[in-house]
Amino acid sequence: MGSFLDRWARRLVRRGVRSGLIEGSNLWLSIAAIAWLLRFLLRRPPAQVSVERLRLGESVIVSHVPAPPRGRRAKKKAVREAAKLEQRQAKQQAKREASRRYVRAMAKAANPQTAREAEQARKQARSCKAGWPCRGGQSAGRGRSEGDAEEPV
């Protein structure tokens, strides 16, 4: 309940109890009972508070979770939205699992030794391409033009 309505209901309860019990008016006593019942029914649960000491390296994430829907239509809408979101996430996950990159990553995670060997073989193949010497030495044919004379041996 808003603060204005809460104050209004509190005043009605106070006046109803004073006029109803002390002065003997049944009308004000019933008004006080109805106002108290409204305050009781429309009361929201207190906010949850958690207090813990943090150790070194720990962090805190503060987020706001919206209140659950109260009406029947709002509840149905929330259920539909949740189903849509779940369906969308399932579709994205299926799409991700079908990709080659995902399959490669899963295979790499399943057998790290084989993945390491395959990566080393790829690096070796990249650095030593078809007849070119591996890092370090220069071949005789590399960097020369056709008209250059050969060096004596």
Protein backbone atom coordinates (compact mmCIF):
# COMPACT_ATOMS: atom_id res chain seq x y z
CA MET A 1 0.00 0.00 0.00
CA GLY A 2 1.23 3.49 -0.70
CA SER A 3 2.24 5.75 2.13
CA PHE A 4 -0.85 7.95 1.65
CA LEU A 5 -3.25 5.01 1.82
CA ASP A 6 -1.38 3.54 4.74
CA ARG A 7 -1.64 6.80 6.72
CA TRP A 8 -5.32 7.11 5.79
CA ALA A 9 -6.08 3.54 6.90
CA ARG A 10 -4.08 4.03 10.12
CA ARG A 11 -6.10 7.16 10.97
CA LEU A 12 -9.36 5.33 10.28
CA VAL A 13 -8.31 2.47 12.55
CA ARG A 14 -7.28 4.89 15.31
CA ARG A 15 -10.47 6.95 15.07
CA GLY A 16 -12.64 3.83 14.77
CA VAL A 17 -11.14 2.27 17.90
CA ARG A 18 -11.43 5.56 19.83
CA SER A 19 -15.00 6.29 18.71
CA GLY A 20 -16.12 2.66 18.65
CA LEU A 21 -14.69 1.22 21.86
CA ILE A 22 -14.51 4.30 24.04
CA GLU A 23 -17.62 6.18 22.87
CA GLY A 24 -19.59 3.01 21.99
CA SER A 25 -20.32 3.60 18.30
CA ASN A 26 -20.78 0.32 16.43
CA LEU A 27 -20.44 2.08 13.05
CA TRP A 28 -16.96 3.41 13.85
CA LEU A 29 -15.92 0.07 15.32
CA SER A 30 -16.87 -1.70 12.07
CA ILE A 31 -15.03 0.98 10.03
CA ALA A 32 -11.94 0.40 12.18
CA ALA A 33 -12.20 -3.38 11.61
CA ILE A 34 -12.51 -2.96 7.82
CA ALA A 35 -9.59 -0.48 7.68
CA TRP A 36 -7.43 -2.80 9.79
CA LEU A 37 -8.35 -5.74 7.55
CA LEU A 38 -7.40 -3.74 4.43
CA ARG A 39 -4.06 -2.77 5.97
CA PHE A 40 -3.44 -6.40 6.91
CA LEU A 41 -4.35 -7.82 3.49
CA LEU A 42 -2.49 -5.22 1.42
CA ARG A 43 0.69 -5.40 3.50
CA ARG A 44 3.78 -6.45 1.54
CA PRO A 45 6.40 -8.76 3.00
CA PRO A 46 9.50 -6.98 4.31
CA ALA A 47 12.56 -6.85 2.07
CA GLN A 48 15.00 -9.70 2.55
CA VAL A 49 18.32 -8.66 3.97
CA SER A 50 21.39 -10.87 4.07
CA VAL A 51 24.44 -10.01 6.14
CA GLU A 52 27.68 -11.92 5.74
CA ARG A 53 31.35 -11.10 6.10
CA LEU A 54 33.29 -11.25 2.86
CA ARG A 55 36.62 -12.97 2.64
CA LEU A 56 39.47 -11.70 0.54
CA GLY A 57 38.65 -12.02 -3.17
CA GLU A 58 34.88 -12.38 -2.70
CA SER A 59 32.45 -9.89 -4.18
CA VAL A 60 28.82 -8.87 -3.83
CA ILE A 61 26.29 -8.63 -6.65
CA VAL A 62 23.25 -6.51 -5.89
CA SER A 63 20.22 -6.94 -8.11
CA HIS A 64 16.54 -6.08 -8.03
CA VAL A 65 14.05 -8.88 -8.49
CA PRO A 66 10.64 -7.52 -9.45
CA ALA A 67 7.63 -8.49 -7.35
CA PRO A 68 5.62 -11.43 -8.66
CA PRO A 69 2.46 -10.56 -10.61
CA ARG A 70 -0.66 -10.30 -8.49
CA GLY A 71 -3.55 -10.54 -10.96
CA ARG A 72 -4.70 -13.59 -12.88
CA ARG A 73 -4.03 -12.02 -16.29
CA ALA A 74 -0.62 -10.79 -15.18
CA LYS A 75 0.28 -14.27 -13.92
CA LYS A 76 -0.74 -15.86 -17.22
CA LYS A 77 1.28 -13.27 -19.12
CA ALA A 78 4.32 -13.93 -16.93
CA VAL A 79 4.02 -17.68 -17.60
CA ARG A 80 3.80 -17.04 -21.37
CA GLU A 81 6.82 -14.74 -21.28
CA ALA A 82 8.83 -17.29 -19.27
CA ALA A 83 7.92 -20.04 -21.76
CA LYS A 84 8.96 -17.81 -24.67
CA LEU A 85 12.26 -16.99 -23.02
CA GLU A 86 12.94 -20.65 -22.26
CA GLN A 87 12.11 -21.63 -25.85
CA ARG A 88 14.38 -18.89 -27.23
CA GLN A 89 17.25 -19.98 -24.98
CA ALA A 90 16.77 -23.64 -25.98
CA LYS A 91 16.85 -22.66 -29.66
CA GLN A 92 20.05 -20.64 -29.17
CA GLN A 93 21.66 -23.53 -27.28
CA ALA A 94 20.72 -26.00 -30.03
CA LYS A 95 22.10 -23.64 -32.65
CA ARG A 96 25.31 -23.22 -30.65
CA GLU A 97 25.70 -26.99 -30.19
CA ALA A 98 25.28 -27.54 -33.93
CA SER A 99 28.16 -25.20 -34.78
CA ARG A 100 31.60 -26.58 -35.62
CA ARG A 101 33.28 -24.24 -33.16
CA TYR A 102 31.23 -25.66 -30.27
CA VAL A 103 31.96 -29.26 -31.30
CA ARG A 104 35.68 -28.47 -31.52
CA ALA A 105 35.66 -26.78 -28.11
CA MET A 106 33.83 -29.72 -26.54
CA ALA A 107 36.26 -32.21 -28.07
CA LYS A 108 39.17 -30.10 -26.83
CA ALA A 109 37.73 -29.97 -23.32
CA ALA A 110 37.05 -33.73 -23.32
CA ASN A 111 40.61 -34.73 -24.22
CA PRO A 112 43.12 -31.95 -23.50
CA GLN A 113 46.20 -34.08 -24.39
CA THR A 114 44.95 -34.79 -27.92
CA ALA A 115 43.95 -31.17 -28.37
CA ARG A 116 47.41 -30.02 -27.32
CA GLU A 117 49.06 -32.42 -29.78
CA ALA A 118 46.76 -31.30 -32.62
CA GLU A 119 47.54 -27.64 -31.90
CA GLN A 120 51.29 -28.33 -31.93
CA ALA A 121 50.95 -30.18 -35.25
CA ARG A 122 49.02 -27.23 -36.72
CA LYS A 123 51.70 -24.80 -35.59
CA GLN A 124 54.41 -27.02 -37.06
CA ALA A 125 52.53 -27.27 -40.37
CA ARG A 126 52.09 -23.49 -40.52
CA SER A 127 55.75 -22.73 -39.85
CA CYS A 128 57.18 -25.35 -42.25
CA LYS A 129 55.18 -24.94 -45.45
CA ALA A 130 55.86 -27.17 -48.45
CA GLY A 131 59.60 -27.32 -48.81
CA TRP A 132 60.41 -24.13 -46.95
CA PRO A 133 62.87 -24.57 -44.15
CA CYS A 134 61.65 -24.26 -40.61
CA ARG A 135 62.61 -21.10 -38.76
CA GLY A 136 66.19 -20.11 -38.87
CA GLY A 137 67.89 -20.92 -42.19
CA GLN A 138 67.17 -19.37 -45.59
CA SER A 139 66.85 -21.53 -48.69
CA ALA A 140 69.05 -20.84 -51.72
CA GLY A 141 66.09 -20.09 -53.98
CA ARG A 142 64.34 -17.72 -51.65
CA GLY A 143 64.78 -13.99 -52.14
CA ARG A 144 66.55 -14.19 -55.47
CA SER A 145 65.45 -13.14 -58.89
CA GLU A 146 65.91 -15.30 -62.02
CA GLY A 147 68.81 -13.32 -63.48
CA ASP A 148 71.07 -13.54 -60.42
CA ALA A 149 74.20 -15.62 -60.68
CA GLU A 150 74.64 -18.52 -58.33
CA GLU A 151 77.17 -18.35 -55.55
CA PRO A 152 80.26 -20.51 -55.85
CA VAL A 153 80.45 -23.41 -53.49
